[in-house]
Structures are given as C-alpha cells and as structure tokens.
Amino acid sequence: MDAVRVALLREVLAGTEWLGATRRFAGVLRGSVVSHGGGLLLVGTPEYEPWHLAAHLVDEAAWSGTPELAPTLVRHDARPSDPAHLAVGLGRIEAARRGETLLVVSPQGPGGPLLERVHDARRAGATVLALGSADGDLTAMAHETLAVREESELDLDTVQHLVSAAAGENALPAARGRRLRDRLARLADELTAPPPARW
C-alpha cells in the first residue's frame, strides 16, 4: 500500500478509534527502538509470517531517516541456506536482551513454544509488543498491545500498513524540514510518473 492509499484510508477512518490506536502503538514501537538505538525483532507464527510488515518497516526506516525501525524478521522455518535476511531463526528470540524490542504479529494466539520464548525475552529485559491477537497470555506479557479481532472492521494486514506508516511519520526530524521535503518530493514524483508500460 503506497502513501496515497494510506492517506485515503486515513480519510475513510477519520473519526474512528483506529487512527489514534495505530498511531499510539506506532509511537510506542518507534520510541522503544529509537531510544535503544535499534534492535527490533519481528516474529509471527508458523502459519503467519509478517514479511510484508517487515518490508514496509524497512521502507519507512529509509524514508524517515530512522534506521532503528528496520526489523530483523525472525522465522519459524529459517534455514541456513536461506538469504541472510530470511535465515534468522527462533534462537534469535532466545538471545534477546535489554534494549531490544520484540514485535509479535499473530492473527490468532501464538502457540506454547513461541510464548515461552517471548516470556524468556521479556524476562531478559526486551520490550514486548503484540499486534493482532487478543490472546490473554500474549497480552499479559506484552508491554503494549494493539488487538485486531476477527469481528473488527479492519483486517490485520490493513492495520499493519497504518502502524508502519505512522511509525515512519512520527519520527523526529534530524535536519528540520529536509526529510518532509524529501518525502513530499518522492510522493509528487510517484503521483506524476507515467503508468508503467505493458507489453
């Protein structure tokens, strides 16, 4: 979802709780990683890998000049032969320490083995954030939760777009005005670019 679609979605959602909730959650996420200089771990469940959120956070990190937002995607089925950015396994959660942030994205409550690792990471001092499931165990462990229930008017993928966009936008500029100008220039370029040629 590009910046224009996110802006349109925000217009549609004006007056709902979603804009405030996603911005609050994004603010906690950004505040946690920026204050500790990075260390964002992103994990899903065996059935649901949040690779799309990982890609958007990498983009937001680059666009906002906030490299701390770029996550390490932790995968359940990672193999050493995978490309480096896809080869990080669950052992990385076990190695999480104070100053790192663990973002768990899960449509349904994560299973016992993942919950145990999340609990150990929290005990070691990592900040735990939960997005998606309103599972009682994960919610009790998390420092901050944004629940997306099945009956919600928005699905988990849409909420992830709003969170990642807000995380990048809420970054405090290092050189005042420059990054905003750069983002506006990029947006103008995207809007005025001719459509791609179809052969």
Foldseek 3Di string as FASTA:
>chain_A
DDPVVLVVVCVVCPPPCLLVLLLVLLVVVLVLQQVLVAAEEEEEAQVDFVVVLLVLQCVLCVLLVNVNSRYQGEHCPADPPDPPSRRHYLVVLQVAAASHEYEYEYQEDHDDVSLVSLQNNVVRHYAYEYEHYPDPSSVVSHPYYDYDHPPDPDDRVSSSNSNSVSNSVPDDHPPPPPSVVVVVVVVVCVVPPDDDDDD
